[in-house]
Protein backbone atom coordinates (compact mmCIF):
# COMPACT_ATOMS: atom_id res chain seq x y z
CA MET A 1 218.26 119.06 96.09
CA SER A 2 221.00 121.53 96.98
CA ASP A 3 220.45 124.67 99.04
CA ASP A 4 221.61 126.71 96.03
CA SER A 5 218.44 125.81 94.15
CA LEU A 6 216.37 127.64 96.77
CA LYS A 7 218.17 130.96 96.53
CA ILE A 8 216.24 133.83 94.98
CA GLU A 9 218.10 136.49 93.04
CA ASN A 10 215.45 139.17 93.60
CA LYS A 11 215.46 142.45 95.51
CA ASP A 12 212.00 141.72 96.89
CA LYS A 13 212.74 138.18 98.04
CA ASP A 14 211.18 138.81 101.45
CA ASN A 15 207.82 139.33 99.76
CA ILE A 16 207.76 136.15 97.66
CA ASP A 17 207.59 132.43 98.27
CA ILE A 18 208.82 129.47 96.24
CA SER A 19 205.82 127.16 95.98
CA GLU A 20 207.09 124.56 93.50
CA ILE A 21 210.37 123.41 91.94
CA HIS A 22 210.36 121.53 88.64
CA ASP A 23 213.26 119.68 87.01
CA ILE A 24 212.85 119.03 83.28
CA GLN A 25 215.18 117.43 80.76
CA VAL A 26 215.09 118.89 77.22
CA GLU A 27 213.90 116.39 74.60
CA ASN A 28 215.27 116.14 71.05
CA GLU A 29 212.29 118.01 69.56
CA PHE A 30 213.19 121.14 71.56
CA ASP A 31 216.82 121.25 70.41
CA ASN A 32 217.79 124.88 69.62
CA CYS A 33 214.52 126.17 71.13
CA ARG A 34 214.36 129.41 73.13
CA LEU A 35 214.14 128.84 76.87
CA ASP A 36 210.97 130.92 77.33
CA ARG A 37 209.21 129.16 74.45
CA PHE A 38 210.20 125.75 75.83
CA LEU A 39 208.79 126.57 79.28
CA THR A 40 205.62 128.03 77.77
CA GLU A 41 205.07 124.69 76.01
CA LYS A 42 205.70 122.78 79.24
CA PHE A 43 203.62 125.04 81.49
CA LYS A 44 200.55 125.69 79.34
CA ASP A 45 198.60 127.14 82.26
CA MET A 46 201.13 129.97 82.70
CA SER A 47 201.53 133.04 80.55
CA ARG A 48 204.75 133.66 78.62
CA SER A 49 205.20 137.02 80.40
CA PHE A 50 205.03 135.29 83.80
CA ILE A 51 207.62 132.72 82.71
CA GLN A 52 209.89 135.46 81.33
CA LYS A 53 209.71 137.24 84.69
CA GLN A 54 210.68 134.02 86.49
CA ILE A 55 213.70 133.76 84.17
CA LYS A 56 214.62 137.42 84.66
CA ASP A 57 214.43 136.99 88.46
CA GLY A 58 216.95 134.13 88.32
CA LEU A 59 214.42 131.45 89.18
CA VAL A 60 215.19 129.35 86.10
CA LYS A 61 218.51 127.59 85.62
CA VAL A 62 219.89 125.59 82.74
CA ASN A 63 222.49 123.02 83.78
CA GLY A 64 222.77 124.85 87.10
CA LYS A 65 223.27 128.36 85.68
CA ALA A 66 220.87 131.31 85.33
CA VAL A 67 220.40 132.36 81.69
CA LYS A 68 218.27 134.75 79.61
CA SER A 69 214.86 134.04 78.05
CA SER A 70 216.46 133.95 74.61
CA TYR A 71 218.92 131.21 75.59
CA LYS A 72 218.90 128.41 72.98
CA LEU A 73 218.50 125.00 74.58
CA GLN A 74 220.24 121.83 73.49
CA SER A 75 218.86 118.31 73.67
CA GLY A 76 219.72 116.81 77.03
CA ASP A 77 219.97 120.14 78.89
CA LYS A 78 218.58 120.08 82.41
CA VAL A 79 216.21 122.93 83.21
CA GLN A 80 215.19 123.73 86.77
CA MET A 81 212.32 126.14 87.29
CA SER A 82 211.33 127.48 90.71
CA ILE A 83 207.75 128.71 90.69
CA CYS A 84 207.63 131.87 92.77
CA GLU A 85 204.62 133.88 93.80
CA PRO A 86 204.06 136.99 95.92
CA LYS A 87 202.83 136.59 99.47
CA ASP A 88 199.32 137.71 100.40
CA ILE A 89 197.88 137.61 96.87
CA ALA A 90 194.42 139.12 96.69
CA ILE A 91 192.06 136.84 94.76
CA VAL A 92 189.11 138.93 93.63
CA PRO A 93 185.55 137.93 92.63
CA GLU A 94 184.85 138.15 88.90
CA ASN A 95 181.52 138.18 87.11
CA ILE A 96 182.17 135.11 84.96
CA PRO A 97 179.10 133.06 83.85
CA LEU A 98 178.78 129.64 85.47
CA ASP A 99 177.01 126.59 84.02
CA ILE A 100 175.35 125.37 87.23
CA ILE A 101 173.99 121.81 87.19
CA TYR A 102 172.81 121.72 90.81
CA GLU A 103 173.00 124.03 93.82
CA ASP A 104 171.78 124.12 97.42
CA SER A 105 173.01 125.56 100.73
CA ASP A 106 175.81 122.98 101.03
CA ILE A 107 177.19 122.32 97.56
CA ILE A 108 177.25 123.60 94.02
CA LEU A 109 177.92 121.38 90.99
CA ILE A 110 179.41 123.07 87.95
CA ASN A 111 179.83 122.05 84.32
CA LYS A 112 183.32 123.50 83.77
CA PRO A 113 184.19 124.75 80.28
CA LYS A 114 187.45 124.30 78.39
CA GLN A 115 190.35 126.68 79.01
CA MET A 116 189.18 127.49 82.54
CA VAL A 117 191.64 126.85 85.38
CA VAL A 118 189.92 125.60 88.54
CA HIS A 119 191.80 127.69 91.10
CA PRO A 120 194.42 130.47 91.08
CA ALA A 121 198.01 129.33 90.57
CA PRO A 122 201.31 131.01 89.71
CA GLY A 123 200.80 133.10 86.59
CA HIS A 124 197.04 132.53 86.68
CA TYR A 125 195.31 134.67 89.29
CA SER A 126 192.21 135.72 87.36
CA GLY A 127 189.62 134.10 85.12
CA THR A 128 189.56 130.93 87.21
CA LEU A 129 186.57 128.97 88.49
CA VAL A 130 187.36 130.24 91.99
CA ASN A 131 187.14 133.87 90.82
CA ALA A 132 183.71 133.11 89.33
CA LEU A 133 182.54 131.21 92.44
CA MET A 134 183.57 134.05 94.73
CA TYR A 135 181.33 136.40 92.74
CA HIS A 136 178.41 133.95 92.66
CA CYS A 137 178.62 132.63 96.23
CA GLY A 138 180.11 135.57 98.11
CA ASP A 139 181.40 134.38 101.47
CA GLU A 140 179.54 131.07 101.20
CA LEU A 141 182.51 128.88 100.32
CA SER A 142 184.35 126.49 102.62
CA GLY A 143 187.66 127.77 103.95
CA ILE A 144 189.45 124.47 104.57
CA ASN A 145 191.75 124.85 101.53
CA GLY A 146 192.57 128.48 102.27
CA CYS A 147 192.07 131.71 100.32
CA MET A 148 193.52 130.34 97.06
CA ARG A 149 191.14 127.36 96.85
CA PRO A 150 187.92 128.24 98.71
CA GLY A 151 185.33 125.50 98.29
CA ILE A 152 187.55 123.37 96.07
CA VAL A 153 187.56 119.66 96.99
CA HIS A 154 188.84 118.22 93.71
CA ARG A 155 189.83 119.61 90.33
CA ILE A 156 190.00 118.73 86.66
CA ASP A 157 192.54 119.92 84.11
CA MET A 158 192.18 123.27 82.36
CA ASP A 159 191.28 121.61 79.04
CA THR A 160 189.04 118.94 80.56
CA THR A 161 185.36 119.86 80.68
CA GLY A 162 182.54 118.65 82.85
CA SER A 163 181.16 118.09 86.33
CA LEU A 164 182.88 119.40 89.43
CA VAL A 165 181.53 119.68 92.99
CA VAL A 166 182.31 122.72 95.16
CA CYS A 167 181.53 123.02 98.88
CA LYS A 168 179.89 126.02 100.53
CA ASN A 169 180.78 125.13 104.12
CA ASP A 170 183.40 123.19 106.05
CA LYS A 171 181.01 120.40 107.05
CA ALA A 172 180.24 119.63 103.40
CA HIS A 173 183.93 119.91 102.53
CA GLN A 174 184.93 117.39 105.20
CA SER A 175 182.24 114.96 104.00
CA LEU A 176 183.26 115.18 100.34
CA SER A 177 186.97 114.94 101.22
CA GLU A 178 186.29 111.71 103.10
CA GLN A 179 184.33 110.31 100.15
CA LEU A 180 187.25 111.13 97.86
CA LYS A 181 189.67 109.46 100.26
CA GLU A 182 187.52 106.32 100.35
CA HIS A 183 187.11 106.36 96.52
CA SER A 184 183.33 106.25 96.97
CA ILE A 185 182.53 109.15 94.64
CA ARG A 186 181.35 107.93 91.26
CA ARG A 187 183.24 109.62 88.42
CA ILE A 188 182.62 108.68 84.80
CA TYR A 189 184.39 110.44 81.93
CA VAL A 190 184.03 110.13 78.18
CA ALA A 191 186.93 110.54 75.77
CA ILE A 192 187.99 110.03 72.18
CA VAL A 193 191.26 108.16 71.80
CA HIS A 194 193.64 107.29 69.00
CA GLY A 195 193.43 103.79 67.56
CA ASN A 196 190.81 101.06 67.48
CA ILE A 197 190.53 99.41 70.89
CA LYS A 198 189.98 95.70 70.17
CA GLU A 199 188.29 94.63 73.39
CA ASP A 200 184.87 96.04 74.36
CA SER A 201 186.01 96.84 77.88
CA GLY A 202 189.03 96.57 80.12
CA THR A 203 190.90 97.83 83.15
CA VAL A 204 194.23 99.63 83.42
CA ASN A 205 195.80 98.93 86.80
CA ALA A 206 199.13 100.76 86.85
CA PRO A 207 200.61 103.01 89.55
CA ILE A 208 201.09 106.66 88.57
CA GLY A 209 203.79 109.06 89.75
CA ARG A 210 205.94 111.93 88.53
CA HIS A 211 207.73 111.37 85.24
CA PRO A 212 211.41 110.60 85.92
CA THR A 213 212.74 113.40 83.65
CA ASP A 214 209.80 115.78 83.09
CA ARG A 215 208.33 116.94 86.39
CA LYS A 216 205.27 118.48 84.70
CA LYS A 217 204.19 115.05 83.44
CA MET A 218 202.94 111.93 85.15
CA SER A 219 203.98 108.42 84.22
CA THR A 220 203.36 104.71 84.86
CA HIS A 221 207.13 104.22 84.61
CA CYS A 222 208.33 105.74 87.85
CA LYS A 223 209.51 104.84 91.30
CA ASN A 224 207.05 105.02 94.20
CA GLY A 225 203.99 105.53 92.01
CA ARG A 226 200.58 105.60 93.71
CA ASN A 227 197.93 102.96 93.07
CA ALA A 228 195.75 103.92 90.09
CA ILE A 229 192.88 102.02 88.46
CA THR A 230 190.80 103.02 85.43
CA HIS A 231 187.94 100.96 83.98
CA TYR A 232 187.13 101.69 80.34
CA LYS A 233 184.34 100.67 77.97
CA VAL A 234 184.02 101.22 74.23
CA LEU A 235 181.00 103.31 73.20
CA GLU A 236 181.69 103.67 69.45
CA ARG A 237 184.46 102.79 67.03
CA PHE A 238 185.55 105.03 64.16
CA GLY A 239 188.33 103.11 62.42
CA ASP A 240 191.40 105.02 63.60
CA TYR A 241 189.62 106.42 66.68
CA THR A 242 187.51 105.09 69.54
CA TYR A 243 184.90 106.82 71.68
CA ILE A 244 185.15 105.45 75.21
CA GLN A 245 183.80 105.77 78.73
CA CYS A 246 186.21 105.70 81.67
CA GLU A 247 185.21 105.14 85.28
CA LEU A 248 187.77 106.07 87.90
CA GLU A 249 188.39 103.80 90.85
CA THR A 250 191.12 106.18 92.01
CA GLY A 251 191.78 109.82 91.20
CA ARG A 252 195.40 110.51 90.36
CA THR A 253 196.68 113.53 88.45
CA HIS A 254 196.14 113.07 84.68
CA GLN A 255 195.02 109.48 85.41
CA ILE A 256 192.91 108.80 82.31
CA ARG A 257 195.34 110.59 80.01
CA VAL A 258 198.32 108.64 81.37
CA HIS A 259 196.58 105.26 81.53
CA MET A 260 195.16 105.38 78.01
CA ALA A 261 198.52 106.53 76.61
CA SER A 262 200.22 103.67 78.48
CA ILE A 263 198.19 101.09 76.54
CA GLY A 264 198.81 102.78 73.19
CA HIS A 265 195.59 104.80 72.96
CA PRO A 266 196.33 108.43 73.94
CA LEU A 267 193.50 110.95 73.95
CA VAL A 268 192.87 112.92 70.76
CA GLY A 269 194.21 116.45 71.21
CA ASP A 270 196.49 115.56 74.13
CA GLU A 271 199.83 117.02 73.07
CA VAL A 272 201.45 116.07 76.39
CA TYR A 273 200.85 112.32 76.31
CA GLY A 274 199.91 111.83 72.67
CA PRO A 275 201.00 113.03 69.21
CA LYS A 276 202.33 116.59 69.14
CA LYS A 277 200.23 117.42 66.09
CA CYS A 278 196.48 117.06 66.48
CA PRO A 279 194.71 115.51 63.44
CA PHE A 280 191.68 117.78 63.91
CA LYS A 281 191.93 121.56 63.67
CA GLY A 282 190.46 123.77 66.34
CA LEU A 283 190.79 121.44 69.31
CA GLN A 284 192.20 122.95 72.48
CA GLY A 285 193.78 120.15 74.45
CA GLN A 286 192.50 116.66 75.14
CA THR A 287 189.00 115.41 74.24
CA LEU A 288 188.03 114.50 77.79
CA HIS A 289 184.73 115.29 79.53
CA ALA A 290 183.73 114.55 83.14
CA ARG A 291 180.18 113.42 82.37
CA THR A 292 178.86 111.74 85.52
CA LEU A 293 179.47 112.69 89.15
CA GLY A 294 177.77 110.78 91.97
CA ILE A 295 178.14 111.69 95.65
CA ILE A 296 176.48 111.14 99.01
CA HIS A 297 174.91 114.46 99.91
CA PRO A 298 176.72 115.84 103.00
CA SER A 299 173.47 116.82 104.78
CA THR A 300 170.73 114.45 103.58
CA GLY A 301 172.90 111.34 103.29
CA GLU A 302 171.14 110.51 100.02
CA TYR A 303 172.88 109.62 96.79
CA LEU A 304 173.01 112.49 94.30
CA GLU A 305 174.13 112.00 90.71
CA VAL A 306 174.44 114.58 87.94
CA ASN A 307 175.36 114.34 84.27
CA ALA A 308 177.10 117.22 82.51
CA PRO A 309 176.05 117.49 78.85
CA LEU A 310 178.77 117.12 76.24
CA PRO A 311 180.33 120.43 75.13
CA GLU A 312 179.67 121.59 71.59
CA TYR A 313 183.20 120.87 70.34
CA PHE A 314 182.91 117.25 71.51
CA VAL A 315 179.51 116.74 69.84
CA ASP A 316 180.82 118.29 66.62
CA LEU A 317 183.85 115.99 66.57
CA LEU A 318 181.68 112.90 67.16
CA ASP A 319 179.39 113.96 64.29
CA ARG A 320 182.40 114.49 62.05
CA LEU A 321 183.79 111.04 62.88
CA ARG A 322 180.39 109.43 62.24
CA ASN A 323 180.20 111.11 58.85
CA ILE A 324 183.73 110.01 57.92
CA TYR A 325 183.53 106.41 59.15
CA GLY A 326 179.84 105.78 58.68
């Protein structure tokens, strides 16, 4: 990457940091699309106003040149976006209700709802799980991951629901981090995918890394991908759809979404790795729920397992599929 890509055309450049740089190639479907609309589609966890400010500040380039938000893209254009954020951001506690599955002096296990981002990120500094945790726990959150991610050991996508463990002190954080590193935490998800999976169970063993042309996506077709293993089992079949359980042996970004798409069964509602048009109205993102989470308790050393109940939208969709396909 050239040094030019790191220059910031902003009067307040001493007060901001570039935290990420993304290179994206424009696909055919976005031909003649406005630049700000294109980036809003690609960065669904960022507001359009934030993206427009990045463009205005010269942090977005098309084929190496800074352009306006209204610039019409052409298929094959190369877009580079530098994600920039102010230094010393104040993350404030917010009184947001939490669905708590289990809590003690060391850990808190949450059933995360849809549309909630786990921790603050560029363009998303409020309404996150961290904001809610800071209100609920006060100063009782581990500080290992800094002020932006207090207590956060692992995360799930904004539109993925379900169980998540948060640490209240550094000792618990170190213990859970080691369990994640050793792949000893039990994580079972349920999902609804496109197509009728023929076999009752199977394993996808395919390395996952950054997509070669779209840096916001992950892919099994990349150089230097990291080892990734997903075990799946069919729970119910509904003709054109299958309700499955997935147990993670590893925990890569978007792992289940990428692995199921790689074998021709993308998740229903996943517009990133599956069909752009969802067959069911009202869904917000992929039908994926982190149901079971099993850990070794950092203080007692005993095995602790929780199960997050299915969200209402997921239950409703299953009922609808059962009514349609009998």
